[in-house]
Amino acid sequence: MIQIDLTPDLYRLLLFGGLVLHKLVWEVLKKTDTPSQSSTDQPVGKLKRAVKAGKSLFLVFLVIQTLFLEIFPISGTPQLLSLVGVIIYVAGLTIAITGRVKLGKNWANLEDYQVLSDQHLVQNGIYRYIRHPIYTGDVLLILGLELALNSWLVLLVIPLMLVVVRQTLEEEKVLQTSFPEYAEYRKNSKMFIPYII
């Protein structure tokens, strides 16, 4: 039997590396996949700035927690919990990055609520099965991260999921309006989990 002995420090480095990889993929693709009508050409409102600041603060907190903090431990012997968390984390990271790469130039910031004139509806690859793999991946990533860190902050995934569902419903309205084929696409795919929901 293969035995995996990842020390807590190695877990933390793996988790940190995943956060860095996630951010790098987004930043690199943002630069290479910039649409012709960049959202940076539009005036930035207070709400949009607040959302961007909130996302940045959340990422900073996750990095600090990952590297340095042990907050609200769930278990005194978290080895199995941490291993399960790392597996969920890697799955989430993979799903989110796969979704982002597949979207390419069709991606826009979540706070933009817009479809640009040169965008098209992506319905292949991971999008053949789920319409919002980036959200799915990111929620799994946070769930796995907090489990791997043995933290009761994992419960914050519940309000995060509520925000994600609200955001998704708003995006689906925009996509339904912008793409006539979206109704058929919805019938043939699931929102977050293939074949389930």
N, C-alpha and C. Protein backbone atom coordinates (compact mmCIF):
# COMPACT_ATOMS: atom_id res chain seq x y z
N MET A 1 0.85 -1.18 0.00
CA MET A 1 0.00 0.00 0.00
C MET A 1 0.89 1.24 0.00
N ILE A 2 0.51 2.21 -0.80
CA ILE A 2 1.27 3.46 -0.88
C ILE A 2 0.86 4.34 0.29
N GLN A 3 1.88 4.88 0.96
CA GLN A 3 1.61 5.75 2.08
C GLN A 3 2.03 7.16 1.71
N ILE A 4 1.14 8.10 1.90
CA ILE A 4 1.44 9.50 1.61
C ILE A 4 1.62 10.22 2.94
N ASP A 5 2.81 10.74 3.15
CA ASP A 5 3.08 11.45 4.39
C ASP A 5 3.41 12.91 4.05
N LEU A 6 2.38 13.70 3.97
CA LEU A 6 2.59 15.13 3.73
C LEU A 6 2.53 15.85 5.06
N THR A 7 3.61 16.49 5.40
CA THR A 7 3.62 17.25 6.65
C THR A 7 2.73 18.47 6.49
N PRO A 8 2.28 19.06 7.61
CA PRO A 8 1.46 20.27 7.51
C PRO A 8 2.14 21.38 6.71
N ASP A 9 3.46 21.50 6.82
CA ASP A 9 4.17 22.54 6.06
C ASP A 9 4.10 22.27 4.56
N LEU A 10 4.22 21.00 4.19
CA LEU A 10 4.13 20.65 2.77
C LEU A 10 2.72 20.90 2.24
N TYR A 11 1.70 20.56 3.04
CA TYR A 11 0.32 20.88 2.67
C TYR A 11 0.18 22.38 2.41
N ARG A 12 0.68 23.16 3.34
CA ARG A 12 0.56 24.61 3.23
C ARG A 12 1.25 25.14 1.98
N LEU A 13 2.42 24.60 1.66
CA LEU A 13 3.11 25.04 0.44
C LEU A 13 2.35 24.63 -0.81
N LEU A 14 1.79 23.42 -0.79
CA LEU A 14 0.97 22.96 -1.92
C LEU A 14 -0.25 23.86 -2.11
N LEU A 15 -0.92 24.17 -1.02
CA LEU A 15 -2.10 25.04 -1.08
C LEU A 15 -1.72 26.44 -1.55
N PHE A 16 -0.64 26.97 -1.03
CA PHE A 16 -0.17 28.29 -1.45
C PHE A 16 0.18 28.28 -2.95
N GLY A 17 0.87 27.25 -3.38
CA GLY A 17 1.22 27.14 -4.81
C GLY A 17 -0.02 27.12 -5.69
N GLY A 18 -1.07 26.45 -5.24
CA GLY A 18 -2.32 26.43 -6.00
C GLY A 18 -2.96 27.79 -6.09
N LEU A 19 -2.95 28.54 -4.97
CA LEU A 19 -3.50 29.91 -5.00
C LEU A 19 -2.72 30.80 -5.96
N VAL A 20 -1.40 30.65 -5.94
CA VAL A 20 -0.55 31.44 -6.85
C VAL A 20 -0.83 31.05 -8.29
N LEU A 21 -0.90 29.75 -8.56
CA LEU A 21 -1.20 29.28 -9.92
C LEU A 21 -2.54 29.82 -10.40
N HIS A 22 -3.55 29.75 -9.57
CA HIS A 22 -4.89 30.26 -9.91
C HIS A 22 -4.79 31.73 -10.30
N LYS A 23 -4.16 32.53 -9.48
CA LYS A 23 -4.04 33.97 -9.74
C LYS A 23 -3.22 34.23 -11.01
N LEU A 24 -2.13 33.50 -11.18
CA LEU A 24 -1.30 33.68 -12.38
C LEU A 24 -2.07 33.37 -13.66
N VAL A 25 -2.82 32.27 -13.65
CA VAL A 25 -3.60 31.91 -14.84
C VAL A 25 -4.57 33.04 -15.17
N TRP A 26 -5.26 33.57 -14.16
CA TRP A 26 -6.22 34.65 -14.40
C TRP A 26 -5.53 35.89 -14.95
N GLU A 27 -4.41 36.26 -14.35
CA GLU A 27 -3.72 37.48 -14.78
C GLU A 27 -3.12 37.33 -16.18
N VAL A 28 -2.51 36.19 -16.46
CA VAL A 28 -1.92 35.96 -17.78
C VAL A 28 -3.01 35.94 -18.85
N LEU A 29 -4.09 35.22 -18.59
CA LEU A 29 -5.16 35.15 -19.58
C LEU A 29 -5.89 36.47 -19.73
N LYS A 30 -5.95 37.24 -18.66
CA LYS A 30 -6.59 38.56 -18.74
C LYS A 30 -5.82 39.44 -19.71
N LYS A 31 -4.49 39.33 -19.68
CA LYS A 31 -3.66 40.14 -20.57
C LYS A 31 -3.70 39.64 -22.01
N THR A 32 -3.69 38.32 -22.20
CA THR A 32 -3.66 37.78 -23.56
C THR A 32 -5.03 37.69 -24.20
N ASP A 33 -6.09 37.62 -23.39
CA ASP A 33 -7.44 37.46 -23.92
C ASP A 33 -8.26 38.74 -23.78
N THR A 34 -7.61 39.89 -23.72
CA THR A 34 -8.35 41.13 -23.54
C THR A 34 -9.29 41.36 -24.71
N PRO A 35 -10.60 41.49 -24.44
CA PRO A 35 -11.56 41.73 -25.51
C PRO A 35 -11.33 43.11 -26.15
N SER A 36 -11.88 43.27 -27.34
CA SER A 36 -11.69 44.54 -28.05
C SER A 36 -12.32 45.70 -27.29
N GLN A 37 -13.40 45.45 -26.56
CA GLN A 37 -14.04 46.50 -25.77
C GLN A 37 -13.76 46.19 -24.31
N SER A 38 -12.58 46.52 -23.86
CA SER A 38 -12.17 46.19 -22.50
C SER A 38 -13.06 46.86 -21.47
N SER A 39 -13.32 46.12 -20.39
CA SER A 39 -14.13 46.69 -19.32
C SER A 39 -13.39 47.83 -18.64
N THR A 40 -12.07 47.94 -18.87
CA THR A 40 -11.33 49.04 -18.28
C THR A 40 -11.63 50.35 -18.99
N ASP A 41 -12.26 50.29 -20.18
CA ASP A 41 -12.64 51.50 -20.89
C ASP A 41 -13.87 52.14 -20.28
N GLN A 42 -14.58 51.41 -19.43
CA GLN A 42 -15.80 51.91 -18.83
C GLN A 42 -15.48 52.56 -17.50
N PRO A 43 -16.26 53.54 -17.10
CA PRO A 43 -16.02 54.14 -15.79
C PRO A 43 -16.23 53.10 -14.70
N VAL A 44 -15.37 53.14 -13.70
CA VAL A 44 -15.45 52.18 -12.62
C VAL A 44 -16.26 52.80 -11.49
N GLY A 45 -17.41 52.19 -11.16
CA GLY A 45 -18.28 52.70 -10.12
C GLY A 45 -17.82 52.25 -8.74
N LYS A 46 -18.46 52.81 -7.73
CA LYS A 46 -18.10 52.48 -6.35
C LYS A 46 -18.35 51.01 -6.04
N LEU A 47 -19.47 50.49 -6.50
CA LEU A 47 -19.77 49.09 -6.23
C LEU A 47 -18.73 48.17 -6.87
N LYS A 48 -18.37 48.48 -8.10
CA LYS A 48 -17.39 47.66 -8.80
C LYS A 48 -16.04 47.70 -8.08
N ARG A 49 -15.64 48.89 -7.63
CA ARG A 49 -14.39 49.01 -6.87
C ARG A 49 -14.48 48.23 -5.57
N ALA A 50 -15.63 48.28 -4.92
CA ALA A 50 -15.81 47.56 -3.66
C ALA A 50 -15.71 46.05 -3.88
N VAL A 51 -16.32 45.55 -4.96
CA VAL A 51 -16.25 44.13 -5.26
C VAL A 51 -14.81 43.71 -5.55
N LYS A 52 -14.10 44.50 -6.33
CA LYS A 52 -12.70 44.18 -6.64
C LYS A 52 -11.85 44.21 -5.38
N ALA A 53 -12.09 45.21 -4.52
CA ALA A 53 -11.34 45.31 -3.26
C ALA A 53 -11.66 44.12 -2.36
N GLY A 54 -12.94 43.73 -2.30
CA GLY A 54 -13.34 42.58 -1.51
C GLY A 54 -12.68 41.30 -1.99
N LYS A 55 -12.64 41.09 -3.30
CA LYS A 55 -11.98 39.91 -3.85
C LYS A 55 -10.50 39.91 -3.51
N SER A 56 -9.86 41.07 -3.61
CA SER A 56 -8.43 41.17 -3.30
C SER A 56 -8.15 40.89 -1.82
N LEU A 57 -8.97 41.47 -0.94
CA LEU A 57 -8.79 41.24 0.49
C LEU A 57 -9.01 39.76 0.85
N PHE A 58 -10.00 39.15 0.23
CA PHE A 58 -10.27 37.74 0.46
C PHE A 58 -9.07 36.90 0.06
N LEU A 59 -8.47 37.20 -1.09
CA LEU A 59 -7.29 36.46 -1.55
C LEU A 59 -6.12 36.67 -0.60
N VAL A 60 -5.91 37.90 -0.16
CA VAL A 60 -4.82 38.18 0.79
C VAL A 60 -5.04 37.38 2.08
N PHE A 61 -6.27 37.38 2.58
CA PHE A 61 -6.56 36.61 3.79
C PHE A 61 -6.26 35.13 3.58
N LEU A 62 -6.70 34.57 2.43
CA LEU A 62 -6.46 33.14 2.17
C LEU A 62 -4.96 32.83 2.14
N VAL A 63 -4.18 33.72 1.54
CA VAL A 63 -2.73 33.50 1.47
C VAL A 63 -2.14 33.54 2.88
N ILE A 64 -2.51 34.54 3.67
CA ILE A 64 -1.99 34.64 5.05
C ILE A 64 -2.42 33.44 5.87
N GLN A 65 -3.69 33.05 5.76
CA GLN A 65 -4.17 31.88 6.50
C GLN A 65 -3.40 30.63 6.08
N THR A 66 -3.24 30.47 4.77
CA THR A 66 -2.58 29.28 4.25
C THR A 66 -1.14 29.17 4.76
N LEU A 67 -0.44 30.27 4.78
CA LEU A 67 0.97 30.22 5.16
C LEU A 67 1.23 30.28 6.66
N PHE A 68 0.37 30.99 7.40
CA PHE A 68 0.75 31.29 8.78
C PHE A 68 -0.27 30.96 9.87
N LEU A 69 -1.54 30.89 9.57
CA LEU A 69 -2.54 30.85 10.63
C LEU A 69 -3.17 29.47 10.81
N GLU A 70 -3.43 29.14 12.04
CA GLU A 70 -4.25 27.98 12.37
C GLU A 70 -5.48 28.53 13.09
N ILE A 71 -6.57 28.63 12.37
CA ILE A 71 -7.77 29.29 12.88
C ILE A 71 -8.87 28.27 13.12
N PHE A 72 -9.46 28.26 14.32
CA PHE A 72 -10.61 27.44 14.67
C PHE A 72 -10.45 25.98 14.22
N PRO A 73 -9.49 25.26 14.79
CA PRO A 73 -9.25 23.88 14.35
C PRO A 73 -10.47 22.97 14.57
N ILE A 74 -10.71 22.11 13.60
CA ILE A 74 -11.81 21.16 13.65
C ILE A 74 -11.41 19.94 14.48
N SER A 75 -10.19 19.46 14.26
CA SER A 75 -9.76 18.20 14.85
C SER A 75 -8.36 18.32 15.43
N GLY A 76 -8.11 17.54 16.47
CA GLY A 76 -6.76 17.48 17.04
C GLY A 76 -5.85 16.57 16.23
N THR A 77 -6.45 15.69 15.44
CA THR A 77 -5.69 14.80 14.56
C THR A 77 -6.25 14.93 13.14
N PRO A 78 -5.81 15.95 12.42
CA PRO A 78 -6.45 16.30 11.14
C PRO A 78 -5.87 15.64 9.90
N GLN A 79 -5.04 14.60 10.04
CA GLN A 79 -4.35 14.06 8.87
C GLN A 79 -5.31 13.64 7.76
N LEU A 80 -6.32 12.85 8.09
CA LEU A 80 -7.26 12.39 7.06
C LEU A 80 -8.07 13.56 6.51
N LEU A 81 -8.53 14.43 7.40
CA LEU A 81 -9.29 15.61 6.99
C LEU A 81 -8.45 16.48 6.04
N SER A 82 -7.19 16.66 6.38
CA SER A 82 -6.30 17.47 5.53
C SER A 82 -6.09 16.83 4.17
N LEU A 83 -5.93 15.50 4.15
CA LEU A 83 -5.74 14.80 2.88
C LEU A 83 -6.99 14.94 2.00
N VAL A 84 -8.16 14.74 2.59
CA VAL A 84 -9.42 14.90 1.84
C VAL A 84 -9.53 16.34 1.33
N GLY A 85 -9.18 17.30 2.19
CA GLY A 85 -9.22 18.70 1.79
C GLY A 85 -8.31 18.99 0.61
N VAL A 86 -7.11 18.44 0.64
CA VAL A 86 -6.17 18.67 -0.48
C VAL A 86 -6.72 18.08 -1.76
N ILE A 87 -7.33 16.91 -1.69
CA ILE A 87 -7.90 16.28 -2.89
C ILE A 87 -9.03 17.16 -3.45
N ILE A 88 -9.91 17.64 -2.59
CA ILE A 88 -11.01 18.52 -3.04
C ILE A 88 -10.43 19.82 -3.60
N TYR A 89 -9.42 20.35 -2.94
CA TYR A 89 -8.77 21.59 -3.38
C TYR A 89 -8.18 21.44 -4.79
N VAL A 90 -7.44 20.36 -5.01
CA VAL A 90 -6.83 20.13 -6.32
C VAL A 90 -7.91 19.94 -7.39
N ALA A 91 -8.98 19.23 -7.05
CA ALA A 91 -10.10 19.07 -8.00
C ALA A 91 -10.70 20.43 -8.34
N GLY A 92 -10.95 21.24 -7.32
CA GLY A 92 -11.51 22.57 -7.55
C GLY A 92 -10.60 23.45 -8.38
N LEU A 93 -9.32 23.44 -8.05
CA LEU A 93 -8.34 24.23 -8.81
C LEU A 93 -8.31 23.80 -10.27
N THR A 94 -8.33 22.50 -10.50
CA THR A 94 -8.31 21.97 -11.87
C THR A 94 -9.57 22.37 -12.64
N ILE A 95 -10.72 22.24 -12.00
CA ILE A 95 -11.98 22.61 -12.67
C ILE A 95 -12.01 24.10 -12.99
N ALA A 96 -11.62 24.95 -12.03
CA ALA A 96 -11.65 26.40 -12.24
C ALA A 96 -10.70 26.81 -13.36
N ILE A 97 -9.49 26.29 -13.34
CA ILE A 97 -8.51 26.67 -14.37
C ILE A 97 -8.93 26.13 -15.73
N THR A 98 -9.44 24.91 -15.77
CA THR A 98 -9.93 24.35 -17.05
C THR A 98 -11.05 25.22 -17.61
N GLY A 99 -11.98 25.62 -16.76
CA GLY A 99 -13.08 26.48 -17.21
C GLY A 99 -12.57 27.82 -17.72
N ARG A 100 -11.63 28.41 -17.01
CA ARG A 100 -11.11 29.73 -17.41
C ARG A 100 -10.35 29.64 -18.73
N VAL A 101 -9.52 28.63 -18.88
CA VAL A 101 -8.75 28.46 -20.12
C VAL A 101 -9.71 28.22 -21.29
N LYS A 102 -10.73 27.40 -21.08
CA LYS A 102 -11.68 27.09 -22.15
C LYS A 102 -12.47 28.33 -22.59
N LEU A 103 -12.77 29.22 -21.63
CA LEU A 103 -13.50 30.44 -22.00
C LEU A 103 -12.68 31.36 -22.88
N GLY A 104 -11.38 31.43 -22.65
CA GLY A 104 -10.52 32.28 -23.46
C GLY A 104 -11.01 33.71 -23.50
N LYS A 105 -11.21 34.23 -24.70
CA LYS A 105 -11.63 35.62 -24.89
C LYS A 105 -13.08 35.88 -24.50
N ASN A 106 -13.81 34.85 -24.16
CA ASN A 106 -15.22 35.00 -23.79
C ASN A 106 -15.42 35.25 -22.30
N TRP A 107 -14.35 35.45 -21.57
CA TRP A 107 -14.43 35.67 -20.13
C TRP A 107 -14.53 37.17 -19.84
N ALA A 108 -15.30 37.50 -18.81
CA ALA A 108 -15.39 38.88 -18.33
C ALA A 108 -15.44 38.83 -16.81
N ASN A 109 -15.04 39.92 -16.16
CA ASN A 109 -15.08 39.99 -14.71
C ASN A 109 -16.50 39.78 -14.21
N LEU A 110 -16.63 39.11 -13.06
CA LEU A 110 -17.97 38.80 -12.55
C LEU A 110 -18.79 40.03 -12.24
N GLU A 111 -18.15 41.14 -11.96
CA GLU A 111 -18.91 42.34 -11.62
C GLU A 111 -19.32 43.15 -12.86
N ASP A 112 -18.96 42.69 -14.05
CA ASP A 112 -19.27 43.45 -15.27
C ASP A 112 -20.68 43.21 -15.81
N TYR A 113 -21.24 42.03 -15.62
CA TYR A 113 -22.58 41.70 -16.12
C TYR A 113 -22.76 42.13 -17.58
N GLN A 114 -21.85 41.70 -18.42
CA GLN A 114 -21.96 42.11 -19.82
C GLN A 114 -21.48 41.00 -20.75
N VAL A 115 -21.98 41.06 -21.97
CA VAL A 115 -21.51 40.21 -23.04
C VAL A 115 -21.03 41.16 -24.12
N LEU A 116 -19.77 41.00 -24.52
CA LEU A 116 -19.20 41.89 -25.53
C LEU A 116 -19.58 41.40 -26.93
N SER A 117 -19.50 42.30 -27.88
CA SER A 117 -19.97 42.00 -29.24
C SER A 117 -19.21 40.84 -29.90
N ASP A 118 -17.94 40.64 -29.54
CA ASP A 118 -17.16 39.58 -30.17
C ASP A 118 -17.17 38.27 -29.38
N GLN A 119 -17.99 38.19 -28.36
CA GLN A 119 -18.06 36.96 -27.57
C GLN A 119 -19.04 35.98 -28.17
N HIS A 120 -18.79 34.70 -27.91
CA HIS A 120 -19.73 33.66 -28.31
C HIS A 120 -19.96 32.71 -27.13
N LEU A 121 -20.99 31.91 -27.22
CA LEU A 121 -21.35 30.98 -26.16
C LEU A 121 -20.48 29.73 -26.27
N VAL A 122 -19.71 29.46 -25.24
CA VAL A 122 -18.86 28.28 -25.20
C VAL A 122 -19.70 27.11 -24.67
N GLN A 123 -19.78 26.04 -25.47
CA GLN A 123 -20.62 24.89 -25.10
C GLN A 123 -19.86 23.58 -25.21
N ASN A 124 -18.54 23.65 -25.35
CA ASN A 124 -17.77 22.41 -25.47
C ASN A 124 -16.76 22.30 -24.33
N GLY A 125 -16.02 21.19 -24.33
CA GLY A 125 -15.10 20.95 -23.23
C GLY A 125 -15.89 20.77 -21.94
N ILE A 126 -15.39 21.31 -20.86
CA ILE A 126 -16.07 21.20 -19.57
C ILE A 126 -17.43 21.88 -19.60
N TYR A 127 -17.58 22.89 -20.48
CA TYR A 127 -18.86 23.61 -20.59
C TYR A 127 -19.95 22.76 -21.24
N ARG A 128 -19.59 21.64 -21.80
CA ARG A 128 -20.60 20.73 -22.33
C ARG A 128 -21.43 20.14 -21.20
N TYR A 129 -20.80 20.01 -20.03
CA TYR A 129 -21.44 19.37 -18.89
C TYR A 129 -21.96 20.35 -17.84
N ILE A 130 -21.19 21.40 -17.59
CA ILE A 130 -21.62 22.39 -16.60
C ILE A 130 -21.42 23.80 -17.16
N ARG A 131 -22.37 24.67 -16.84
CA ARG A 131 -22.35 26.02 -17.39
C ARG A 131 -21.46 26.97 -16.60
N HIS A 132 -21.16 26.64 -15.37
CA HIS A 132 -20.37 27.55 -14.53
C HIS A 132 -19.24 26.82 -13.81
N PRO A 133 -18.29 26.24 -14.57
CA PRO A 133 -17.23 25.47 -13.94
C PRO A 133 -16.28 26.33 -13.10
N ILE A 134 -16.13 27.59 -13.43
CA ILE A 134 -15.23 28.43 -12.63
C ILE A 134 -15.79 28.60 -11.23
N TYR A 135 -17.08 28.87 -11.13
CA TYR A 135 -17.70 28.98 -9.80
C TYR A 135 -17.63 27.65 -9.06
N THR A 136 -17.94 26.56 -9.75
CA THR A 136 -17.86 25.23 -9.13
C THR A 136 -16.46 24.99 -8.60
N GLY A 137 -15.48 25.23 -9.46
CA GLY A 137 -14.09 25.01 -9.06
C GLY A 137 -13.66 25.88 -7.91
N ASP A 138 -14.05 27.15 -7.94
CA ASP A 138 -13.64 28.06 -6.86
C ASP A 138 -14.28 27.68 -5.53
N VAL A 139 -15.55 27.27 -5.54
CA VAL A 139 -16.19 26.85 -4.29
C VAL A 139 -15.50 25.58 -3.76
N LEU A 140 -15.22 24.62 -4.63
CA LEU A 140 -14.50 23.42 -4.21
C LEU A 140 -13.11 23.76 -3.69
N LEU A 141 -12.46 24.71 -4.35
CA LEU A 141 -11.13 25.14 -3.93
C LEU A 141 -11.17 25.68 -2.50
N ILE A 142 -12.11 26.55 -2.20
CA ILE A 142 -12.22 27.13 -0.86
C ILE A 142 -12.61 26.04 0.15
N LEU A 143 -13.55 25.19 -0.20
CA LEU A 143 -13.95 24.09 0.67
C LEU A 143 -12.75 23.21 1.00
N GLY A 144 -12.03 22.81 -0.03
CA GLY A 144 -10.86 21.96 0.16
C GLY A 144 -9.75 22.65 0.94
N LEU A 145 -9.53 23.93 0.67
CA LEU A 145 -8.50 24.70 1.38
C LEU A 145 -8.78 24.70 2.88
N GLU A 146 -10.01 25.04 3.26
CA GLU A 146 -10.35 25.13 4.68
C GLU A 146 -10.32 23.76 5.36
N LEU A 147 -10.74 22.71 4.65
CA LEU A 147 -10.62 21.37 5.22
C LEU A 147 -9.15 20.97 5.38
N ALA A 148 -8.35 21.25 4.37
CA ALA A 148 -6.93 20.93 4.44
C ALA A 148 -6.24 21.69 5.57
N LEU A 149 -6.71 22.89 5.85
CA LEU A 149 -6.15 23.69 6.94
C LEU A 149 -6.82 23.37 8.28
N ASN A 150 -7.75 22.38 8.28
CA ASN A 150 -8.40 21.94 9.51
C ASN A 150 -9.12 23.09 10.21
N SER A 151 -9.85 23.89 9.45
CA SER A 151 -10.46 25.09 10.01
C SER A 151 -11.98 25.07 9.89
N TRP A 152 -12.64 25.47 10.97
CA TRP A 152 -14.09 25.63 10.94
C TRP A 152 -14.52 26.76 10.01
N LEU A 153 -13.57 27.52 9.50
CA LEU A 153 -13.93 28.53 8.50
C LEU A 153 -14.50 27.88 7.25
N VAL A 154 -14.42 26.56 7.16
CA VAL A 154 -15.04 25.82 6.07
C VAL A 154 -16.54 26.14 6.00
N LEU A 155 -17.13 26.48 7.13
CA LEU A 155 -18.56 26.81 7.15
C LEU A 155 -18.88 28.07 6.34
N LEU A 156 -17.87 28.89 6.09
CA LEU A 156 -18.09 30.10 5.29
C LEU A 156 -18.40 29.76 3.83
N VAL A 157 -18.22 28.49 3.46
CA VAL A 157 -18.58 28.06 2.11
C VAL A 157 -20.09 28.18 1.92
N ILE A 158 -20.86 28.07 2.98
CA ILE A 158 -22.33 28.16 2.87
C ILE A 158 -22.75 29.55 2.37
N PRO A 159 -22.35 30.65 3.03
CA PRO A 159 -22.73 31.95 2.47
C PRO A 159 -22.07 32.21 1.11
N LEU A 160 -20.87 31.67 0.90
CA LEU A 160 -20.22 31.83 -0.40
C LEU A 160 -21.07 31.19 -1.49
N MET A 161 -21.62 30.02 -1.20
CA MET A 161 -22.47 29.35 -2.19
C MET A 161 -23.73 30.16 -2.49
N LEU A 162 -24.28 30.81 -1.48
CA LEU A 162 -25.45 31.66 -1.71
C LEU A 162 -25.11 32.82 -2.63
N VAL A 163 -23.94 33.42 -2.42
CA VAL A 163 -23.49 34.51 -3.30
C VAL A 163 -23.27 33.99 -4.71
N VAL A 164 -22.65 32.83 -4.82
CA VAL A 164 -22.38 32.24 -6.14
C VAL A 164 -23.68 31.94 -6.87
N VAL A 165 -24.67 31.38 -6.18
CA VAL A 165 -25.95 31.07 -6.83
C VAL A 165 -26.62 32.36 -7.30
N ARG A 166 -26.63 33.40 -6.45
CA ARG A 166 -27.22 34.68 -6.84
C ARG A 166 -26.50 35.25 -8.07
N GLN A 167 -25.19 35.22 -8.04
CA GLN A 167 -24.38 35.73 -9.16
C GLN A 167 -24.67 34.94 -10.43
N THR A 168 -24.75 33.64 -10.29
CA THR A 168 -25.01 32.77 -11.44
C THR A 168 -26.37 33.06 -12.06
N LEU A 169 -27.38 33.23 -11.24
CA LEU A 169 -28.71 33.53 -11.76
C LEU A 169 -28.73 34.85 -12.51
N GLU A 170 -28.01 35.84 -12.01
CA GLU A 170 -27.91 37.13 -12.71
C GLU A 170 -27.19 36.96 -14.05
N GLU A 171 -26.10 36.22 -14.04
CA GLU A 171 -25.36 35.98 -15.29
C GLU A 171 -26.21 35.22 -16.29
N GLU A 172 -26.97 34.26 -15.82
CA GLU A 172 -27.80 33.47 -16.73
C GLU A 172 -28.84 34.35 -17.42
N LYS A 173 -29.37 35.35 -16.71
CA LYS A 173 -30.31 36.28 -17.34
C LYS A 173 -29.64 37.03 -18.48
N VAL A 174 -28.42 37.50 -18.25
CA VAL A 174 -27.68 38.23 -19.29
C VAL A 174 -27.38 37.31 -20.47
N LEU A 175 -26.95 36.09 -20.18
CA LEU A 175 -26.62 35.15 -21.25
C LEU A 175 -27.87 34.74 -22.04
N GLN A 176 -28.98 34.55 -21.36
CA GLN A 176 -30.24 34.21 -22.02
C GLN A 176 -30.66 35.31 -23.00
N THR A 177 -30.48 36.55 -22.58
CA THR A 177 -30.83 37.69 -23.42
C THR A 177 -29.88 37.83 -24.61
N SER A 178 -28.61 37.53 -24.39
CA SER A 178 -27.58 37.76 -25.41
C SER A 178 -27.45 36.63 -26.42
N PHE A 179 -27.77 35.41 -26.00
CA PHE A 179 -27.58 34.26 -26.88
C PHE A 179 -28.89 33.49 -27.02
N PRO A 180 -29.51 33.52 -28.19
CA PRO A 180 -30.78 32.79 -28.38
C PRO A 180 -30.65 31.29 -28.12
N GLU A 181 -29.46 30.74 -28.35
CA GLU A 181 -29.24 29.30 -28.17
C GLU A 181 -29.04 28.91 -26.70
N TYR A 182 -29.05 29.89 -25.81
CA TYR A 182 -28.78 29.60 -24.40
C TYR A 182 -29.86 28.72 -23.77
N ALA A 183 -31.10 28.89 -24.15
CA ALA A 183 -32.20 28.08 -23.60
C ALA A 183 -31.95 26.59 -23.89
N GLU A 184 -31.56 26.28 -25.11
CA GLU A 184 -31.28 24.88 -25.47
C GLU A 184 -30.04 24.38 -24.72
N TYR A 185 -29.04 25.23 -24.60
CA TYR A 185 -27.82 24.87 -23.86
C TYR A 185 -28.17 24.54 -22.41
N ARG A 186 -29.06 25.30 -21.80
CA ARG A 186 -29.47 25.05 -20.42
C ARG A 186 -30.14 23.68 -20.27
N LYS A 187 -30.91 23.29 -21.30
CA LYS A 187 -31.58 21.99 -21.25
C LYS A 187 -30.58 20.83 -21.29
N ASN A 188 -29.44 21.05 -21.96
CA ASN A 188 -28.47 19.99 -22.19
C ASN A 188 -27.28 19.99 -21.23
N SER A 189 -27.28 20.89 -20.25
CA SER A 189 -26.17 20.98 -19.31
C SER A 189 -26.70 21.29 -17.92
N LYS A 190 -25.85 21.16 -16.95
CA LYS A 190 -26.22 21.48 -15.57
C LYS A 190 -25.47 22.74 -15.13
N MET A 191 -25.98 23.36 -14.10
CA MET A 191 -25.38 24.62 -13.66
C MET A 191 -24.01 24.42 -13.02
N PHE A 192 -23.90 23.47 -12.07
CA PHE A 192 -22.66 23.34 -11.30
C PHE A 192 -22.06 21.92 -11.29
N ILE A 193 -22.91 20.91 -11.22
CA ILE A 193 -22.40 19.54 -11.08
C ILE A 193 -22.98 18.71 -12.22
N PRO A 194 -22.12 18.08 -13.03
CA PRO A 194 -22.61 17.31 -14.18
C PRO A 194 -23.68 16.29 -13.78
N TYR A 195 -24.75 16.25 -14.57
CA TYR A 195 -25.84 15.29 -14.43
C TYR A 195 -26.68 15.46 -13.14
N ILE A 196 -26.33 16.44 -12.29
CA ILE A 196 -27.04 16.58 -11.01
C ILE A 196 -27.72 17.93 -10.91
N ILE A 197 -26.97 19.00 -10.79
CA ILE A 197 -27.56 20.32 -10.62
C ILE A 197 -26.78 21.36 -11.43
